[in-house]
Protein backbone atom coordinates (compact mmCIF):
# COMPACT_ATOMS: atom_id res chain seq x y z
CA MET A 1 -22.28 -43.18 23.46
CA PRO A 2 -25.70 -44.16 25.41
CA THR A 3 -25.75 -46.35 28.19
CA ARG A 4 -26.12 -49.83 27.98
CA PRO A 5 -29.43 -51.40 30.22
CA ARG A 6 -27.49 -53.10 32.89
CA VAL A 7 -28.80 -56.62 34.29
CA TRP A 8 -28.03 -57.88 37.52
CA VAL A 9 -27.97 -61.61 38.41
CA SER A 10 -28.58 -62.24 42.14
CA ARG A 11 -26.22 -65.79 42.04
CA PRO A 12 -23.33 -67.36 40.37
CA THR A 13 -24.53 -69.50 37.62
CA PHE A 14 -22.98 -70.26 34.22
CA ASP A 15 -20.83 -67.91 32.78
CA ASP A 16 -21.26 -68.98 29.25
CA VAL A 17 -24.81 -68.54 29.39
CA ILE A 18 -24.85 -65.37 30.92
CA ALA A 19 -22.67 -64.19 28.46
CA ARG A 20 -25.08 -64.08 25.87
CA LEU A 21 -26.36 -61.00 27.38
CA GLU A 22 -23.38 -59.13 26.99
CA PRO A 23 -23.49 -57.86 23.61
CA HIS A 24 -26.70 -55.67 24.61
CA PHE A 25 -26.43 -54.91 28.51
CA GLU A 26 -23.54 -54.21 30.88
CA VAL A 27 -24.14 -57.50 33.42
CA THR A 28 -23.19 -57.65 36.62
CA ALA A 29 -23.56 -61.38 38.27
CA GLU A 30 -22.47 -62.54 41.98
CA PRO A 31 -19.77 -64.10 42.32
CA LYS A 32 -20.79 -65.66 45.68
CA GLU A 33 -23.93 -67.21 46.96
CA THR A 34 -25.80 -64.46 49.27
CA LYS A 35 -28.51 -64.01 51.37
CA PHE A 36 -29.84 -60.70 50.97
CA GLY A 37 -31.93 -59.04 53.10
CA PRO A 38 -34.77 -56.84 51.68
CA THR A 39 -33.03 -53.35 52.10
CA GLU A 40 -30.15 -55.09 50.43
CA LEU A 41 -31.87 -56.45 47.76
CA ALA A 42 -33.96 -52.88 47.44
CA ALA A 43 -30.46 -51.14 46.58
CA LYS A 44 -29.49 -53.88 43.95
CA LEU A 45 -32.86 -53.58 42.10
CA ALA A 46 -32.73 -49.74 42.19
CA ASP A 47 -29.77 -49.87 40.19
CA CYS A 48 -30.93 -51.96 37.20
CA ASP A 49 -32.77 -52.45 34.25
CA ALA A 50 -33.60 -56.16 34.54
CA ALA A 51 -32.86 -59.06 37.51
CA ILE A 52 -31.92 -62.24 37.07
CA VAL A 53 -33.32 -63.62 40.87
CA GLY A 54 -33.30 -67.10 42.31
CA LEU A 55 -36.10 -68.30 44.86
CA LYS A 56 -34.59 -67.00 48.24
CA GLU A 57 -35.17 -62.92 46.78
CA ARG A 58 -38.20 -62.15 47.89
CA VAL A 59 -39.59 -59.56 45.70
CA GLY A 60 -42.35 -57.33 46.75
CA THR A 61 -43.11 -53.63 47.12
CA ALA A 62 -40.72 -52.43 49.52
CA GLU A 63 -37.71 -54.00 47.71
CA LEU A 64 -39.20 -52.76 44.25
CA ALA A 65 -39.68 -48.82 45.90
CA GLY A 66 -36.70 -47.36 44.42
CA ALA A 67 -36.38 -49.37 41.21
CA LYS A 68 -37.47 -46.73 38.92
CA ARG A 69 -35.68 -48.75 35.68
CA LEU A 70 -36.47 -52.13 36.32
CA ARG A 71 -38.75 -53.42 33.62
CA ILE A 72 -38.27 -57.49 34.09
CA VAL A 73 -37.66 -59.85 37.40
CA ALA A 74 -36.48 -63.09 35.17
CA ASN A 75 -36.97 -65.90 37.89
CA LEU A 76 -34.55 -68.80 38.25
CA GLY A 77 -37.36 -71.53 38.57
CA VAL A 78 -40.63 -72.70 37.60
CA GLY A 79 -42.26 -71.65 41.07
CA TYR A 80 -42.19 -68.05 41.36
CA ASP A 81 -43.82 -68.02 45.35
CA ASN A 82 -40.94 -65.44 45.77
CA LEU A 83 -42.10 -62.97 43.32
CA ASP A 84 -45.23 -60.57 44.15
CA LEU A 85 -46.60 -60.39 40.96
CA ALA A 86 -49.33 -57.74 42.13
CA ALA A 87 -46.61 -55.55 42.78
CA LEU A 88 -44.47 -55.74 39.92
CA GLY A 89 -47.58 -55.35 37.77
CA ALA A 90 -48.52 -52.24 39.41
CA ALA A 91 -45.32 -51.15 38.61
CA GLY A 92 -45.23 -52.22 34.96
CA ILE A 93 -42.69 -54.70 35.40
CA ALA A 94 -42.43 -57.98 33.88
CA ALA A 95 -42.12 -61.32 35.65
CA SER A 96 -41.29 -64.64 33.71
CA ASN A 97 -40.18 -68.02 35.05
CA THR A 98 -38.60 -70.91 33.60
CA ALA A 99 -41.23 -73.21 32.81
CA ASP A 100 -40.99 -76.58 31.00
CA VAL A 101 -37.13 -77.25 30.69
CA LEU A 102 -37.19 -78.44 34.33
CA ASN A 103 -40.53 -81.44 33.77
CA GLU A 104 -38.22 -84.56 33.14
CA SER A 105 -35.57 -83.94 36.09
CA VAL A 106 -37.94 -82.92 38.39
CA ALA A 107 -40.21 -86.30 37.50
CA ASP A 108 -36.73 -88.31 38.08
CA TYR A 109 -35.92 -86.92 41.13
CA ALA A 110 -39.59 -87.74 41.99
CA TRP A 111 -39.04 -91.28 41.65
CA ALA A 112 -36.08 -91.49 43.08
CA LEU A 113 -37.69 -90.39 46.62
CA LEU A 114 -40.76 -92.53 46.62
CA LEU A 115 -38.41 -95.53 46.07
CA GLY A 116 -35.94 -94.32 48.41
CA ALA A 117 -38.73 -93.69 50.91
CA SER A 118 -40.48 -97.11 50.42
CA ARG A 119 -37.11 -99.00 50.58
CA ARG A 120 -35.81 -97.04 53.46
CA MET A 121 -32.59 -96.20 52.04
CA GLY A 122 -31.51 -93.00 54.21
CA ALA A 123 -32.06 -94.73 56.88
CA ALA A 124 -30.03 -97.97 56.26
CA GLU A 125 -27.20 -96.26 54.54
CA ARG A 126 -26.70 -94.09 57.89
CA TRP A 127 -27.15 -97.26 59.82
CA LEU A 128 -24.53 -98.43 57.78
CA ARG A 129 -22.32 -95.41 57.72
CA ALA A 130 -22.17 -96.05 61.46
CA GLY A 131 -20.56 -98.92 61.38
CA GLU A 132 -23.56 -101.65 61.62
CA TRP A 133 -24.74 -104.09 59.31
CA ARG A 134 -28.09 -106.03 59.07
CA ALA A 135 -28.38 -107.67 56.10
CA THR A 136 -28.12 -111.05 57.06
CA GLU A 137 -30.89 -110.83 58.58
CA PHE A 138 -34.15 -112.35 57.06
CA LYS A 139 -36.56 -109.72 58.22
CA GLY A 140 -34.53 -106.72 58.52
CA TRP A 141 -34.83 -103.36 56.36
CA LEU A 142 -38.39 -104.37 55.45
CA GLY A 143 -39.37 -101.85 53.09
CA THR A 144 -42.80 -101.64 50.12
CA ASP A 145 -42.75 -102.52 46.91
CA VAL A 146 -44.23 -99.74 44.29
CA ARG A 147 -44.51 -101.99 41.62
CA GLY A 148 -48.13 -102.59 40.82
CA ARG A 149 -49.44 -99.89 43.95
CA THR A 150 -51.61 -97.19 43.04
CA LEU A 151 -50.05 -93.72 42.30
CA GLY A 152 -52.03 -90.71 42.65
CA ILE A 153 -50.91 -87.56 41.75
CA LEU A 154 -52.38 -84.45 43.12
CA GLY A 155 -51.43 -81.23 40.62
CA MET A 156 -51.11 -82.53 37.17
CA GLY A 157 -49.47 -80.00 35.32
CA ARG A 158 -46.58 -80.80 33.05
CA ILE A 159 -44.32 -82.40 36.11
CA GLY A 160 -47.43 -84.40 36.94
CA GLN A 161 -47.60 -85.58 33.82
CA ALA A 162 -43.84 -86.44 33.47
CA ILE A 163 -44.22 -88.68 36.65
CA ALA A 164 -47.29 -90.11 35.58
CA ARG A 165 -46.07 -91.42 32.29
CA ARG A 166 -43.01 -92.97 34.17
CA ALA A 167 -45.60 -95.12 36.52
CA GLN A 168 -46.46 -97.21 33.12
CA GLY A 169 -42.71 -99.38 33.49
CA PHE A 170 -43.80 -99.93 37.20
CA GLY A 171 -47.28 -101.03 36.27
CA MET A 172 -49.10 -98.75 38.21
CA PRO A 173 -52.67 -97.14 37.71
CA VAL A 174 -52.70 -93.58 38.33
CA LEU A 175 -55.05 -90.99 39.51
CA TYR A 176 -55.10 -87.70 39.64
CA HIS A 177 -57.12 -84.51 41.13
CA ASN A 178 -56.24 -81.03 39.24
CA ARG A 179 -58.04 -77.90 39.16
CA SER A 180 -59.21 -78.76 35.76
CA ARG A 181 -59.53 -81.76 33.99
CA LEU A 182 -56.53 -83.03 31.21
CA PRO A 183 -57.88 -83.38 27.41
CA GLU A 184 -58.59 -87.17 26.71
CA ALA A 185 -55.61 -87.26 24.66
CA VAL A 186 -53.28 -86.33 27.44
CA GLU A 187 -55.01 -88.46 29.80
CA ARG A 188 -54.42 -91.50 27.60
CA ASP A 189 -51.26 -90.81 27.31
CA CYS A 190 -50.49 -90.55 30.96
CA ARG A 191 -52.81 -93.53 31.34
CA ALA A 192 -54.19 -91.62 34.15
CA ARG A 193 -57.90 -90.98 35.86
CA LEU A 194 -59.05 -87.67 37.19
CA VAL A 195 -60.86 -88.27 40.67
CA ASP A 196 -61.74 -85.81 43.44
CA LYS A 197 -59.70 -85.44 46.27
CA GLY A 198 -60.98 -87.66 48.83
CA THR A 199 -60.76 -90.51 46.52
CA LEU A 200 -56.95 -89.33 45.65
CA LEU A 201 -56.09 -89.65 49.73
CA ARG A 202 -57.94 -92.71 50.22
CA GLU A 203 -56.89 -94.69 47.46
CA SER A 204 -53.23 -93.74 46.33
CA ASP A 205 -50.43 -95.92 47.88
CA CYS A 206 -47.95 -93.33 46.85
CA LEU A 207 -49.40 -89.88 46.66
CA MET A 208 -47.02 -87.17 44.63
CA LEU A 209 -47.37 -83.51 45.04
CA VAL A 210 -46.93 -81.14 42.19
CA LEU A 211 -48.82 -78.41 42.53
CA PRO A 212 -48.23 -74.86 42.68
CA LEU A 213 -47.92 -72.74 46.42
CA THR A 214 -50.64 -69.91 46.29
CA PRO A 215 -53.00 -68.98 49.51
CA ALA A 216 -55.23 -71.65 48.52
CA THR A 217 -52.91 -74.33 47.93
CA ARG A 218 -51.19 -73.92 51.63
CA HIS A 219 -51.71 -77.12 54.13
CA ALA A 220 -53.38 -78.82 51.14
CA ILE A 221 -52.25 -81.96 53.16
CA GLY A 222 -52.49 -81.01 56.48
CA ALA A 223 -53.75 -83.57 59.49
CA ALA A 224 -57.05 -83.70 58.24
CA GLU A 225 -56.03 -84.81 54.74
CA LEU A 226 -53.71 -87.52 56.44
CA ALA A 227 -55.73 -88.91 58.07
CA HIS A 228 -57.58 -90.45 54.98
CA MET A 229 -54.66 -91.55 53.44
CA LYS A 230 -54.03 -95.57 54.32
CA PRO A 231 -51.64 -95.94 56.92
CA THR A 232 -49.17 -98.03 54.37
CA ALA A 233 -49.16 -95.33 52.10
CA VAL A 234 -45.85 -92.88 51.25
CA LEU A 235 -46.30 -89.34 50.39
CA VAL A 236 -43.65 -87.65 48.06
CA ASN A 237 -43.47 -83.58 47.79
CA VAL A 238 -41.22 -82.09 45.26
CA ALA A 239 -43.62 -79.12 44.81
CA ARG A 240 -43.42 -76.31 47.53
CA GLY A 241 -42.89 -75.93 51.06
CA GLY A 242 -46.42 -75.26 52.46
CA ILE A 243 -48.58 -77.01 50.80
CA VAL A 244 -48.12 -79.32 53.45
CA ASP A 245 -48.08 -79.14 57.59
CA ASP A 246 -45.03 -80.37 58.48
CA ALA A 247 -45.68 -80.79 62.29
CA ALA A 248 -49.13 -82.62 61.15
CA LEU A 249 -47.04 -84.87 58.40
CA ALA A 250 -44.47 -85.20 61.26
CA ALA A 251 -47.11 -86.46 63.53
CA ALA A 252 -48.68 -89.04 61.32
CA LEU A 253 -45.01 -90.48 60.54
CA ARG A 254 -44.24 -90.67 64.18
CA GLU A 255 -47.47 -92.58 64.85
CA GLY A 256 -47.86 -95.14 62.15
CA ARG A 257 -50.63 -93.54 60.62
CA LEU A 258 -48.73 -92.89 57.30
CA ALA A 259 -45.74 -95.24 56.41
CA ALA A 260 -42.95 -93.24 54.78
CA ALA A 261 -42.14 -89.83 53.25
CA GLY A 262 -39.93 -88.40 50.76
CA LEU A 263 -39.55 -84.42 50.88
CA ASP A 264 -37.30 -82.27 49.23
CA VAL A 265 -39.13 -79.19 49.99
CA PHE A 266 -40.31 -77.67 53.43
CA GLU A 267 -42.39 -75.31 55.29
CA GLY A 268 -40.07 -72.65 56.31
CA GLU A 269 -37.16 -73.19 54.43
CA PRO A 270 -34.34 -73.62 54.60
CA ARG A 271 -35.03 -74.59 58.50
CA VAL A 272 -36.46 -78.16 58.75
CA HIS A 273 -38.96 -78.77 61.10
CA PRO A 274 -36.94 -79.87 64.11
CA ASP A 275 -39.37 -83.12 64.69
CA LEU A 276 -38.54 -84.28 60.80
CA LEU A 277 -35.30 -84.66 61.37
CA ALA A 278 -35.69 -86.86 64.29
CA LEU A 279 -37.59 -89.48 61.92
CA ASP A 280 -35.99 -92.68 60.26
CA ASN A 281 -38.87 -93.11 57.69
CA VAL A 282 -38.62 -89.88 56.14
CA LEU A 283 -35.96 -89.24 53.10
CA LEU A 284 -34.59 -85.53 53.10
CA SER A 285 -33.35 -83.90 50.35
CA PRO A 286 -32.45 -79.86 50.42
CA HIS A 287 -34.78 -78.92 47.70
CA ILE A 288 -32.49 -79.80 44.23
CA ALA A 289 -34.92 -81.35 42.24
CA SER A 290 -33.88 -79.78 39.52
CA ALA A 291 -30.33 -79.77 40.11
CA THR A 292 -28.65 -81.44 36.73
CA THR A 293 -25.88 -79.58 35.10
CA ASP A 294 -28.16 -79.89 32.32
CA THR A 295 -31.36 -78.84 33.41
CA ARG A 296 -29.95 -75.74 35.65
CA ARG A 297 -27.89 -74.80 32.19
CA ALA A 298 -31.30 -74.67 30.59
CA MET A 299 -33.07 -72.71 33.40
CA THR A 300 -30.56 -69.91 32.97
CA ALA A 301 -30.81 -70.12 29.07
CA VAL A 302 -34.74 -69.42 30.00
CA ALA A 303 -33.80 -66.52 32.23
CA VAL A 304 -31.35 -64.84 29.62
CA ASP A 305 -34.15 -65.33 27.01
CA ASN A 306 -36.86 -63.65 28.69
CA VAL A 307 -34.68 -60.52 29.54
CA LEU A 308 -33.22 -60.19 25.82
CA ALA A 309 -37.08 -60.87 24.56
CA CYS A 310 -38.02 -57.86 27.06
CA PHE A 311 -35.81 -55.72 25.67
CA GLY A 312 -36.56 -56.76 21.67
CA HIS A 313 -33.56 -58.75 21.19
CA GLY A 314 -33.01 -62.67 20.64
CA PRO A 315 -35.19 -64.91 18.91
CA HIS A 316 -38.14 -64.24 20.82
CA ALA A 317 -38.27 -60.64 21.10
CA GLY A 318 -41.36 -59.00 22.12
CA PRO A 319 -43.50 -60.18 25.21
CA PRO A 320 -40.68 -62.60 27.15
CA PRO A 321 -41.69 -66.37 25.97
CA ASN A 322 -42.44 -66.97 30.10
CA LEU A 323 -44.09 -64.01 31.06
CA LEU A 324 -45.81 -64.67 33.92
CA ASN A 325 -47.88 -61.23 34.55
CA PRO A 326 -49.50 -60.38 31.21
CA GLU A 327 -52.80 -58.88 31.86
CA ALA A 328 -51.19 -56.29 34.68
CA LEU A 329 -48.65 -55.07 31.68
CA ALA A 330 -51.33 -54.48 29.24
CA ALA A 331 -53.53 -52.42 32.27
CA ALA A 332 -50.56 -50.39 33.04
CA GLY A 333 -49.93 -49.66 29.74
CA VAL A 334 -46.64 -51.46 28.89
CA ILE A 335 -45.34 -52.48 25.12
CA PHE A 336 -42.29 -54.56 24.45
CA PRO A 337 -39.86 -53.62 21.62
CA ILE A 338 -39.86 -55.93 18.74
CA HIS A 339 -36.51 -56.01 17.19
CA PRO A 340 -36.97 -54.46 13.32
CA LYS A 341 -35.32 -57.64 12.30
CA LEU A 342 -37.96 -59.75 13.36
CA THR A 343 -40.58 -57.69 12.14
């Protein structure tokens, strides 16, 4: 009997979802969270036909050098800056992500950070846990209302649109800046108006960052951009660390040139800039915007669907539904099998 293809899962996830692979593959799932160095990761990839990995696994030329059997790397995340798409495409290896299933959870969390940072909830909780009490002081713990303020969104993909729709409940006008303009019907649904980046920075009372990390977007918010924002503004980043120059942000917060920030992602994760840790006007969160049971299960299911499809199984048999590098694979002559029952 021929040996079945092997799938390696780099981190513990939902066993019943991963079990959907077992009729077709030999599955090895890591039993605990592990940080793999480049050599260890290369060894894991060399022994499998498919891999489901997390954002902490950085896959590039060195890690792929011995992966002669590998056909797909399925990322457990919508972002994929941990994957070298050029290297994967050159090796004829598919790359996929888990787009769409986490839009609503991340949008909810972005609003949680905005409200928490605006109302100083992190600092207030730390104060209370330290045994203090200032609720009886009339001018104690004054925060900022978000109702009726102008919401700016930098990066207007599906998560940005989900954030914009929630703004209607707060009576907030919405401005956005994006690589391209949204269709008019989507703009109407989101009640959002396209502006240039300078206008977005100057007019936003609350600025949400929801754009991918690329060489072009690294430090999209740095000292120069922060200088154009209102000193009363609140900045929220649920996208990727590196989009913001964390040192410049900490300086703006410390010097009162920006009122507050809510951050779920950081430059140089898992390290957090020490200047941010020292500030009370920033609400910090450990990259968990998608961390709900339903969403993480759905992300796992999408990764499984991508692997199944790549090998001609499941309802999407053929090109993985969340394929990131189709052009590179086409150039490499990669053809995906389609199950006979689906033709």
